[in-house]
Amino acid sequence: MSIETNNNVIADADHPRVGLFIDGEWIFDRPSCFEVLDPSTEASLTSVPGATTADLERVLAAAERGFRIWRDTPAAERNIIISRAIAGVRARSEEIAQIITRENGKLIADARAEVERSASFFDWDMAQALRAYGTIVPGEAQMQKSILRQPIGPVAAFTPWNVPLSAPSRKISGALCAGCSIILKAPEETPGAAVAMVQCFERAGLPKGVLNLVFGNPALVSSTLIESPVTRMVTLTGSVAVGKHLSQLAGAAMKPVLMELGGHAPVIVCDGVNAAEIGKMALKSKIRINAQWCAAPGRFLVHESIYDEFVAAFVATADQVRVANGMDTKSDMGPVTSVRRLAAMQHFVDDALARGGKVAVGGHRVGERGYYFAPTLLVDTPLDCAIMTDEPFGPVAVAVRFSTLEEAIEISNSLSVGLAAFAFTNSLEQAERLSRELDVGVLSINHFGAPDPDTPFGGVKDSGIGREGGPWSLDSYMVSKTVLQKTARV
């Protein structure tokens, strides 16, 4: 089998080899810890070597050495190497996009967009690195008060399978642009994009030990890296449960964390808006990246006066969706990434039906091969059913009526997570109130967009700690040092 695109063909046999990258060397001869499958066909693509305890000790030593070299390299010189690497990523964008689609299942157009978005994180952070100024504080005579901003040290980073290039890029960009070394534990399910990015940095001349890549047993890797005195900061994009566990490990070692965790984004559709148009937009936004993104809309809270019109538009648009291989340019949505996610989608549907809910559209697997599930909207469900309380992370959504804005806000804020939310209103008063009262890190009003690199992204409550991107994108990777120097002779 091969997969064709408008540009070239990648055959199964040509799928990139996955290895560990430690101290500037690739390691392939370790026992396999995971078999990577193409979610469109369920065919095996490659295997992933798992790091041993000795490998992890070696990578920690390498990161410590690499940090000493990189922190003492001026920001402008660091940017030259980083720029060269990102030029390599952009030059290989089609190849990397195909790797992402083959391993993850998302549409090739979404994968191409992910490659460029990932590169843009570096563009922003490199500029921020040149503005990472210290401060001179006015003081009394013969006393100089300085505040220095310095890289925090080697970083332990953990990233998920759903955005296999952009999540690592966030971590690598922040760490390298701040002057830190980094050990990336990338996802075994979708390893190829991280491998390609590391190759680009290797070819760009990044010093050994500055960027390292490992795979393996999650418990062994996380405990070894976090408990080591070498690492000075821990960052994760992942689930709430994993985030809490890693935060406990980091807390025991007195290390700061940067956590971008799960959510279950509400969408409040107020009265007086074009419900039919928003219903179409809602479906298209929901299935973007095969509905496997942490800020995906999932709970549609629609004013009772326009509820039926919204649902009808959502259903009509969903009925036109073509679910197929992500490499097919006529496909509107690809598969979910694993059989585990496929089972989870069916669980949400079955739970809703058992509790009196109805399926407005979808609600079933598509075909018998590949992890395809139809775009699904559940209606008439109780507020405590699974689809209302748990992040689906797939193409299942729910629509609920509300009568007052107070009610919609209360439902939106009822969960322990608060990553993102969306709202549609033509009232400035309602928009201002939603901006104040919704407990989320990101609120998009009258559109389904997400933050660009120049604006912060992150959640509140169980959805995380800290922010990625924006004017303070390097802050989590840096520390402030106060220097008080008496200028009198001693």
Protein backbone atom coordinates (compact mmCIF):
# COMPACT_ATOMS: atom_id res chain seq x y z
CA MET A 1 0.00 0.00 0.00
CA SER A 2 1.05 3.59 -0.56
CA ILE A 3 -0.52 6.96 0.10
CA GLU A 4 -0.65 9.51 -2.69
CA THR A 5 -0.75 13.29 -2.37
CA ASN A 6 -0.52 16.12 -4.81
CA ASN A 7 3.24 16.31 -4.24
CA ASN A 8 4.68 12.86 -3.79
CA VAL A 9 4.19 9.36 -2.45
CA ILE A 10 5.35 7.84 0.81
CA ALA A 11 5.26 4.05 0.88
CA ASP A 12 4.78 2.05 4.07
CA ALA A 13 8.34 0.77 3.83
CA ASP A 14 9.63 4.34 3.76
CA HIS A 15 8.04 5.44 7.02
CA PRO A 16 10.80 7.05 9.08
CA ARG A 17 12.76 4.98 11.53
CA VAL A 18 12.15 5.98 15.13
CA GLY A 19 15.02 6.21 17.59
CA LEU A 20 16.19 7.81 20.79
CA PHE A 21 18.39 10.88 20.44
CA ILE A 22 20.82 11.23 23.34
CA ASP A 23 23.89 13.47 23.47
CA GLY A 24 23.87 13.99 19.72
CA GLU A 25 23.57 10.30 18.81
CA TRP A 26 20.67 8.24 17.46
CA ILE A 27 19.95 4.94 19.22
CA PHE A 28 17.78 2.36 17.47
CA ASP A 29 18.81 -0.98 18.99
CA ARG A 30 16.56 -1.01 22.06
CA PRO A 31 13.64 -3.39 22.60
CA SER A 32 10.40 -2.11 21.12
CA CYS A 33 7.99 -0.52 23.59
CA PHE A 34 5.20 0.31 21.12
CA GLU A 35 3.95 -0.56 17.64
CA VAL A 36 2.74 2.45 15.67
CA LEU A 37 -0.41 1.81 13.63
CA ASP A 38 -1.98 3.79 10.81
CA PRO A 39 -5.44 4.63 12.22
CA SER A 40 -6.87 4.80 8.70
CA THR A 41 -5.97 1.20 7.87
CA GLU A 42 -4.82 -0.37 11.17
CA ALA A 43 -1.61 -1.35 9.35
CA SER A 44 1.68 -1.37 11.24
CA LEU A 45 3.96 1.54 10.38
CA THR A 46 6.96 1.16 12.67
CA SER A 47 8.05 0.26 16.18
CA VAL A 48 9.38 2.53 18.91
CA PRO A 49 12.49 1.70 20.97
CA GLY A 50 12.15 2.17 24.70
CA ALA A 51 14.80 3.91 26.78
CA THR A 52 16.52 1.84 29.46
CA THR A 53 17.45 3.11 32.91
CA ALA A 54 21.01 3.52 31.67
CA ASP A 55 19.76 5.55 28.70
CA LEU A 56 17.87 7.87 31.03
CA GLU A 57 20.91 8.39 33.24
CA ARG A 58 22.95 9.15 30.15
CA VAL A 59 20.41 11.62 28.80
CA LEU A 60 20.35 13.48 32.11
CA ALA A 61 24.13 13.83 32.06
CA ALA A 62 23.98 14.99 28.44
CA ALA A 63 21.33 17.61 29.20
CA GLU A 64 23.40 18.93 32.08
CA ARG A 65 26.45 19.36 29.85
CA GLY A 66 24.36 20.78 27.03
CA PHE A 67 22.82 23.36 29.33
CA ARG A 68 26.18 24.75 30.37
CA ILE A 69 27.10 25.24 26.70
CA TRP A 70 23.76 26.66 25.58
CA ARG A 71 23.18 29.09 28.45
CA ASP A 72 26.53 30.74 27.73
CA THR A 73 25.76 31.11 24.03
CA PRO A 74 24.45 34.64 23.28
CA ALA A 75 20.78 34.79 22.30
CA ALA A 76 21.59 36.14 18.84
CA GLU A 77 23.91 33.20 18.16
CA ARG A 78 21.36 30.73 19.53
CA ASN A 79 18.79 32.23 17.17
CA ILE A 80 21.02 31.59 14.16
CA ILE A 81 21.05 27.86 14.89
CA ILE A 82 17.35 27.76 15.74
CA SER A 83 16.48 29.68 12.56
CA ARG A 84 18.49 27.21 10.50
CA ALA A 85 16.63 24.31 12.10
CA ILE A 86 13.20 25.83 11.52
CA ALA A 87 14.09 26.56 7.91
CA GLY A 88 14.75 22.83 7.68
CA VAL A 89 11.35 22.06 9.19
CA ARG A 90 9.65 24.30 6.65
CA ALA A 91 11.65 22.75 3.81
CA ARG A 92 10.43 19.31 4.91
CA SER A 93 6.87 20.45 5.63
CA GLU A 94 5.15 18.11 3.17
CA GLU A 95 7.14 15.11 4.36
CA ILE A 96 6.46 15.89 8.02
CA ALA A 97 2.77 16.55 7.34
CA GLN A 98 2.42 13.14 5.72
CA ILE A 99 4.11 11.51 8.70
CA ILE A 100 1.63 13.22 11.02
CA THR A 101 -1.38 12.13 8.97
CA ARG A 102 -0.19 8.54 8.67
CA GLU A 103 0.38 8.19 12.41
CA ASN A 104 -2.41 10.41 13.76
CA GLY A 105 -5.11 10.25 11.08
CA LYS A 106 -5.83 13.98 10.83
CA LEU A 107 -6.45 15.54 7.43
CA ILE A 108 -3.33 16.32 5.44
CA ALA A 109 -4.45 19.97 5.30
CA ASP A 110 -4.60 20.05 9.10
CA ALA A 111 -1.18 18.40 9.29
CA ARG A 112 0.33 20.96 6.93
CA ALA A 113 -1.16 23.73 9.04
CA GLU A 114 0.33 22.13 12.15
CA VAL A 115 3.81 22.18 10.64
CA GLU A 116 3.61 25.89 9.86
CA ARG A 117 2.02 26.70 13.23
CA SER A 118 4.82 24.81 14.94
CA ALA A 119 7.45 26.80 13.07
CA SER A 120 5.70 30.05 14.00
CA PHE A 121 6.20 29.32 17.71
CA PHE A 122 9.95 29.55 17.14
CA ASP A 123 9.58 32.75 15.11
CA TRP A 124 7.85 34.38 18.06
CA ASP A 125 10.06 33.00 20.81
CA MET A 126 13.28 33.91 19.01
CA ALA A 127 12.12 37.51 18.91
CA GLN A 128 11.16 37.32 22.58
CA ALA A 129 14.62 35.98 23.44
CA LEU A 130 16.19 39.19 22.14
CA ARG A 131 13.90 41.14 24.47
CA ALA A 132 14.52 39.10 27.62
CA TYR A 133 15.89 42.15 29.37
CA GLY A 134 17.01 42.46 32.93
CA THR A 135 16.35 45.52 35.08
CA ILE A 136 18.45 48.08 36.93
CA VAL A 137 16.71 49.28 40.07
CA PRO A 138 17.52 52.81 41.30
CA GLY A 139 19.33 52.64 44.61
CA GLU A 140 21.34 54.64 47.07
CA ALA A 141 24.88 55.84 46.41
CA GLN A 142 27.53 53.16 45.89
CA MET A 143 24.90 50.42 45.52
CA GLN A 144 23.97 48.78 42.22
CA LYS A 145 20.74 46.79 42.19
CA SER A 146 20.29 44.53 39.17
CA ILE A 147 17.68 41.94 38.27
CA LEU A 148 19.01 39.35 35.84
CA ARG A 149 16.87 36.96 33.81
CA GLN A 150 18.59 33.63 33.36
CA PRO A 151 17.59 30.23 31.94
CA ILE A 152 16.19 27.96 34.64
CA GLY A 153 18.13 24.85 33.62
CA PRO A 154 17.50 21.50 31.91
CA VAL A 155 13.82 20.93 31.16
CA ALA A 156 11.87 17.66 31.27
CA ALA A 157 9.05 17.86 28.70
CA PHE A 158 6.19 15.46 27.99
CA THR A 159 3.91 15.77 24.97
CA PRO A 160 0.75 14.02 23.64
CA TRP A 161 -0.20 12.13 20.51
CA ASN A 162 -2.89 14.49 19.17
CA VAL A 163 -0.60 17.37 18.12
CA PRO A 164 2.67 15.47 17.62
CA LEU A 165 4.61 18.43 16.24
CA SER A 166 3.05 21.56 17.69
CA ALA A 167 3.11 20.39 21.32
CA PRO A 168 6.82 19.46 21.22
CA SER A 169 7.48 22.71 19.35
CA ARG A 170 5.95 24.74 22.18
CA LYS A 171 8.30 23.09 24.69
CA ILE A 172 11.42 23.01 22.53
CA SER A 173 10.94 26.60 21.42
CA GLY A 174 10.44 27.96 24.92
CA ALA A 175 13.37 26.02 26.33
CA LEU A 176 15.92 26.65 23.59
CA CYS A 177 15.05 30.31 23.08
CA ALA A 178 15.38 30.90 26.83
CA GLY A 179 18.79 29.19 26.89
CA CYS A 180 17.78 25.87 28.45
CA SER A 181 18.55 22.34 27.38
CA ILE A 182 15.61 19.95 27.11
CA ILE A 183 14.78 16.26 27.32
CA LEU A 184 11.62 15.55 25.33
CA LYS A 185 9.57 12.47 26.09
CA ALA A 186 7.45 12.36 22.93
CA PRO A 187 4.36 10.18 22.35
CA GLU A 188 4.92 6.59 21.32
CA GLU A 189 1.64 6.58 19.35
CA THR A 190 2.79 9.37 17.01
CA PRO A 191 6.59 9.62 17.23
CA GLY A 192 7.62 10.50 13.68
CA ALA A 193 7.10 14.26 13.74
CA ALA A 194 9.25 14.71 16.84
CA VAL A 195 11.97 12.60 15.24
CA ALA A 196 11.88 14.80 12.13
CA MET A 197 12.14 17.99 14.18
CA VAL A 198 15.10 16.69 16.16
CA GLN A 199 16.78 15.75 12.88
CA CYS A 200 16.38 19.34 11.70
CA PHE A 201 18.10 20.66 14.83
CA GLU A 202 20.85 18.07 14.52
CA ARG A 203 21.53 19.15 10.93
CA ALA A 204 21.44 22.81 11.97
CA GLY A 205 24.44 22.31 14.24
CA LEU A 206 22.79 22.39 17.66
CA PRO A 207 25.41 21.42 20.28
CA LYS A 208 25.21 17.91 21.67
CA GLY A 209 23.03 17.46 24.71
CA VAL A 210 20.94 20.59 24.19
CA LEU A 211 18.00 18.73 22.63
CA ASN A 212 17.37 15.10 23.53
CA LEU A 213 14.54 12.73 22.62
CA VAL A 214 13.37 9.64 24.49
CA PHE A 215 10.51 7.16 24.38
CA GLY A 216 9.64 4.37 26.76
CA ASN A 217 7.75 3.28 29.83
CA PRO A 218 5.91 6.42 31.00
CA ALA A 219 6.27 5.69 34.71
CA LEU A 220 9.99 4.95 34.45
CA VAL A 221 10.77 7.91 32.20
CA SER A 222 8.75 10.45 34.17
CA SER A 223 9.97 9.42 37.61
CA THR A 224 13.62 9.23 36.52
CA LEU A 225 13.65 12.58 34.75
CA ILE A 226 11.62 14.51 37.32
CA GLU A 227 13.26 13.12 40.45
CA SER A 228 16.77 13.78 39.13
CA PRO A 229 18.45 16.93 40.49
CA VAL A 230 19.61 17.68 36.94
CA THR A 231 16.21 18.79 35.64
CA ARG A 232 14.98 22.11 36.99
CA MET A 233 11.57 22.47 35.38
CA VAL A 234 8.78 20.12 34.20
CA THR A 235 6.28 20.79 31.43
CA LEU A 236 3.45 18.65 30.07
CA THR A 237 0.71 18.89 27.52
CA GLY A 238 -1.63 16.04 28.38
CA SER A 239 -4.51 14.80 30.48
CA VAL A 240 -5.58 16.15 33.85
CA ALA A 241 -4.76 12.84 35.55
CA VAL A 242 -1.23 12.70 34.17
CA GLY A 243 -0.72 16.38 34.90
CA LYS A 244 -1.65 15.93 38.55
CA HIS A 245 0.67 12.93 38.86
CA LEU A 246 3.65 14.71 37.31
CA SER A 247 2.93 17.80 39.41
CA GLN A 248 3.13 15.67 42.54
CA LEU A 249 6.50 14.29 41.45
CA ALA A 250 7.73 17.78 40.64
CA GLY A 251 6.42 19.16 43.93
CA ALA A 252 8.31 16.54 45.89
CA ALA A 253 11.46 17.68 44.08
CA MET A 254 10.59 21.41 44.48
CA LYS A 255 10.45 22.02 40.73
CA PRO A 256 8.12 24.44 38.97
CA VAL A 257 5.70 23.09 36.38
CA LEU A 258 4.07 24.34 33.20
CA MET A 259 0.94 22.27 32.56
CA GLU A 260 -1.46 22.52 29.62
CA LEU A 261 -4.11 19.93 30.45
CA GLY A 262 -7.55 18.82 29.33
CA GLY A 263 -10.77 20.75 28.97
CA HIS A 264 -14.35 20.39 27.77
CA ALA A 265 -15.10 23.63 25.98
CA PRO A 266 -18.60 25.06 26.27
CA VAL A 267 -20.11 27.04 23.40
CA ILE A 268 -22.76 29.55 24.48
CA VAL A 269 -25.06 30.56 21.61
CA CYS A 270 -27.20 33.49 22.72
CA ASP A 271 -30.52 34.58 21.27
CA GLY A 272 -30.57 37.06 18.42
CA VAL A 273 -27.76 35.46 16.41
CA ASN A 274 -27.80 33.56 13.11
CA ALA A 275 -28.34 30.10 14.56
CA ALA A 276 -28.22 28.31 11.22
CA GLU A 277 -24.86 29.79 10.26
CA ILE A 278 -23.40 29.15 13.71
CA GLY A 279 -24.67 25.56 13.59
CA LYS A 280 -22.71 25.00 10.38
CA MET A 281 -19.61 26.65 11.84
CA ALA A 282 -19.96 24.57 15.02
CA LEU A 283 -19.85 21.27 13.17
CA LYS A 284 -16.85 22.30 11.08
CA SER A 285 -14.97 23.50 14.15
CA LYS A 286 -15.86 20.39 16.13
CA ILE A 287 -14.40 17.99 13.57
CA ARG A 288 -11.21 20.00 12.97
CA ILE A 289 -8.18 17.78 13.65
CA ASN A 290 -10.70 14.91 13.79
CA ALA A 291 -12.12 16.53 16.96
CA GLN A 292 -8.98 15.55 18.86
CA TRP A 293 -7.77 18.89 20.17
CA CYS A 294 -7.84 20.07 23.75
CA ALA A 295 -9.85 23.23 23.08
CA ALA A 296 -12.39 21.55 20.79
CA PRO A 297 -15.99 22.69 21.30
CA GLY A 298 -17.98 19.95 22.98
CA ARG A 299 -20.89 21.32 25.02
CA PHE A 300 -23.18 23.47 22.87
CA LEU A 301 -25.41 25.54 25.13
CA VAL A 302 -28.03 27.12 22.89
CA HIS A 303 -30.77 29.58 23.80
CA GLU A 304 -34.15 27.87 23.71
CA SER A 305 -35.51 30.31 21.12
CA ILE A 306 -33.00 29.21 18.47
CA TYR A 307 -32.13 25.70 19.69
CA ASP A 308 -34.05 23.77 17.02
CA GLU A 309 -32.61 25.90 14.21
CA PHE A 310 -29.07 25.39 15.52
CA VAL A 311 -29.48 21.61 15.83
CA ALA A 312 -31.01 21.32 12.37
CA ALA A 313 -28.09 23.19 10.81
CA PHE A 314 -25.53 21.13 12.73
CA VAL A 315 -27.21 17.88 11.67
CA ALA A 316 -27.56 18.91 8.03
CA THR A 317 -23.89 19.87 7.88
CA ALA A 318 -22.82 16.66 9.63
CA ASP A 319 -24.79 14.60 7.12
CA GLN A 320 -22.61 16.02 4.35
CA VAL A 321 -19.30 15.18 6.04
CA ARG A 322 -17.15 12.67 4.19
CA VAL A 323 -15.26 10.51 6.68
CA ALA A 324 -12.22 8.97 5.01
CA ASN A 325 -8.45 8.61 5.01
CA GLY A 326 -6.77 11.86 6.00
CA MET A 327 -4.60 11.73 2.88
CA ASP A 328 -7.71 11.87 0.69
CA THR A 329 -8.10 15.53 -0.28
CA LYS A 330 -11.88 15.04 -0.56
CA SER A 331 -12.13 13.87 3.04
CA ASP A 332 -13.71 16.18 5.62
CA MET A 333 -12.65 14.16 8.66
CA GLY A 334 -10.29 11.28 9.26
CA PRO A 335 -10.25 8.57 11.94
CA VAL A 336 -9.65 8.92 15.63
CA THR A 337 -6.12 7.89 16.50
CA SER A 338 -6.62 4.60 18.33
CA VAL A 339 -9.05 1.79 19.00
CA ARG A 340 -9.19 3.10 22.56
CA ARG A 341 -10.60 6.43 21.34
CA LEU A 342 -13.04 4.58 19.09
CA ALA A 343 -14.39 2.67 22.09
CA ALA A 344 -14.61 5.91 24.08
CA MET A 345 -16.82 7.51 21.41
CA GLN A 346 -19.23 4.59 21.54
CA HIS A 347 -19.27 4.81 25.34
CA PHE A 348 -20.46 8.43 25.23
CA VAL A 349 -23.27 7.50 22.85
CA ASP A 350 -24.34 4.42 24.80
CA ASP A 351 -24.31 6.31 28.09
CA ALA A 352 -26.49 9.09 26.69
CA LEU A 353 -29.00 6.65 25.21
CA ALA A 354 -29.19 4.68 28.46
CA ARG A 355 -30.00 7.90 30.31
CA GLY A 356 -32.80 9.05 28.02
CA GLY A 357 -30.80 11.04 25.49
CA LYS A 358 -31.15 10.88 21.73
CA VAL A 359 -28.78 10.81 18.78
CA ALA A 360 -29.53 13.70 16.43
CA VAL A 361 -26.89 12.59 13.94
CA GLY A 362 -24.12 9.98 13.79
CA GLY A 363 -23.60 7.81 16.82
CA HIS A 364 -21.83 4.91 15.15
CA ARG A 365 -18.60 3.59 13.73
CA VAL A 366 -17.99 4.10 10.02
CA GLY A 367 -16.81 0.98 8.19
CA GLU A 368 -15.07 -2.03 9.66
CA ARG A 369 -11.43 -1.14 9.07
CA GLY A 370 -9.78 1.94 10.45
CA TYR A 371 -10.84 3.89 13.52
CA TYR A 372 -13.57 5.95 11.90
CA PHE A 373 -16.52 7.34 13.86
CA ALA A 374 -19.32 9.46 12.45
CA PRO A 375 -19.68 13.10 13.56
CA THR A 376 -22.21 12.84 16.36
CA LEU A 377 -24.58 15.21 18.16
CA LEU A 378 -26.43 14.06 21.26
CA VAL A 379 -29.57 15.86 22.46
CA ASP A 380 -32.06 15.68 25.35
CA THR A 381 -29.37 14.38 27.69
CA PRO A 382 -29.29 14.95 31.45
CA LEU A 383 -26.66 17.38 32.71
CA ASP A 384 -24.80 14.66 34.58
CA CYS A 385 -24.35 12.22 31.70
CA ALA A 386 -20.83 11.38 30.53
CA ILE A 387 -20.81 13.65 27.48
CA MET A 388 -21.62 16.64 29.71
CA THR A 389 -18.99 15.93 32.35
CA ASP A 390 -16.09 14.20 30.56
CA GLU A 391 -13.92 15.48 27.74
CA PRO A 392 -14.82 13.36 24.67
CA PHE A 393 -11.64 14.06 22.67
CA GLY A 394 -13.36 12.88 19.54
CA PRO A 395 -16.27 13.66 17.18
CA VAL A 396 -19.09 13.43 19.75
CA ALA A 397 -20.80 16.59 21.00
CA VAL A 398 -23.95 17.51 22.91
CA ALA A 399 -26.50 20.31 22.56
CA VAL A 400 -28.41 21.65 25.57
CA ARG A 401 -31.10 24.34 25.82
CA PHE A 402 -30.84 27.30 28.18
CA SER A 403 -33.28 30.07 28.96
CA THR A 404 -31.11 32.66 30.74
CA LEU A 405 -27.48 33.66 30.43
CA GLU A 406 -27.04 32.94 34.15
CA GLU A 407 -28.03 29.35 33.49
CA ALA A 408 -25.60 29.00 30.58
CA ILE A 409 -22.72 30.41 32.62
CA GLU A 410 -23.53 28.13 35.54
CA ILE A 411 -23.50 25.03 33.32
CA SER A 412 -20.29 26.15 31.62
CA ASN A 413 -18.50 26.66 34.94
CA SER A 414 -19.83 23.50 36.58
CA LEU A 415 -16.85 21.31 35.68
CA SER A 416 -13.44 21.16 37.33
CA VAL A 417 -11.73 22.04 34.03
CA GLY A 418 -11.51 25.44 32.38
CA LEU A 419 -9.31 25.54 29.30
CA ALA A 420 -11.33 27.22 26.55
CA ALA A 421 -14.82 28.46 25.78
CA PHE A 422 -16.66 29.99 22.85
CA ALA A 423 -19.60 32.36 22.76
CA PHE A 424 -21.81 33.90 20.10
CA THR A 425 -23.74 37.07 20.83
CA ASN A 426 -24.59 40.41 19.25
CA SER A 427 -24.83 42.07 22.65
CA LEU A 428 -21.80 43.95 23.95
CA GLU A 429 -23.26 43.67 27.44
CA GLN A 430 -23.47 39.88 27.18
CA ALA A 431 -19.98 39.65 25.70
CA GLU A 432 -18.52 41.71 28.53
CA ARG A 433 -20.27 39.59 31.13
CA LEU A 434 -19.11 36.35 29.54
CA SER A 435 -15.55 37.68 29.45
CA ARG A 436 -15.70 38.31 33.20
CA GLU A 437 -17.61 35.28 34.43
CA LEU A 438 -16.56 32.27 32.35
CA ASP A 439 -13.87 30.30 34.21
CA VAL A 440 -11.52 29.56 31.33
CA GLY A 441 -8.07 30.52 30.13
CA VAL A 442 -9.16 31.35 26.57
CA LEU A 443 -12.50 32.74 25.40
CA SER A 444 -13.30 33.23 21.71
CA ILE A 445 -16.34 35.39 21.00
CA ASN A 446 -18.19 35.15 17.68
CA HIS A 447 -15.64 32.80 16.13
CA PHE A 448 -14.02 29.39 16.73
CA GLY A 449 -10.40 30.51 16.51
CA ALA A 450 -7.53 29.69 18.87
CA PRO A 451 -4.67 31.87 20.13
CA ASP A 452 -1.73 32.60 17.85
CA PRO A 453 1.84 32.52 19.20
CA ASP A 454 1.55 36.18 20.23
CA THR A 455 -1.22 35.49 22.77
CA PRO A 456 -1.08 33.23 25.85
CA PHE A 457 -2.67 29.79 25.86
CA GLY A 458 -3.49 27.79 28.97
CA GLY A 459 -6.24 26.93 31.40
CA VAL A 460 -7.58 27.51 34.89
CA LYS A 461 -8.67 25.08 37.60
CA ASP A 462 -7.76 21.50 36.61
CA SER A 463 -6.87 22.56 33.07
CA GLY A 464 -3.34 23.54 33.95
CA ILE A 465 -0.76 25.85 35.44
CA GLY A 466 1.00 28.61 33.53
CA ARG A 467 0.77 29.84 29.95
CA GLU A 468 2.44 29.09 26.63
CA GLY A 469 2.92 31.82 24.05
CA GLY A 470 2.26 35.52 24.32
CA PRO A 471 4.48 38.30 25.65
CA TRP A 472 5.58 36.14 28.58
CA SER A 473 6.25 32.95 26.59
CA LEU A 474 9.76 32.48 28.01
CA ASP A 475 8.94 33.27 31.64
CA SER A 476 8.39 29.65 32.69
CA TYR A 477 11.83 28.75 31.36
CA MET A 478 13.67 31.58 33.12
CA VAL A 479 14.39 32.72 36.66
CA SER A 480 15.04 36.16 38.08
CA LYS A 481 18.24 36.71 40.01
CA THR A 482 18.70 39.80 42.16
CA VAL A 483 22.28 41.10 42.33
CA LEU A 484 23.11 43.73 44.96
CA GLN A 485 26.62 45.07 44.44
CA LYS A 486 28.29 47.58 46.72
CA THR A 487 30.66 49.70 44.65
CA ALA A 488 32.77 50.94 47.58
CA ARG A 489 36.23 49.41 47.98
CA VAL A 490 36.57 46.70 50.60
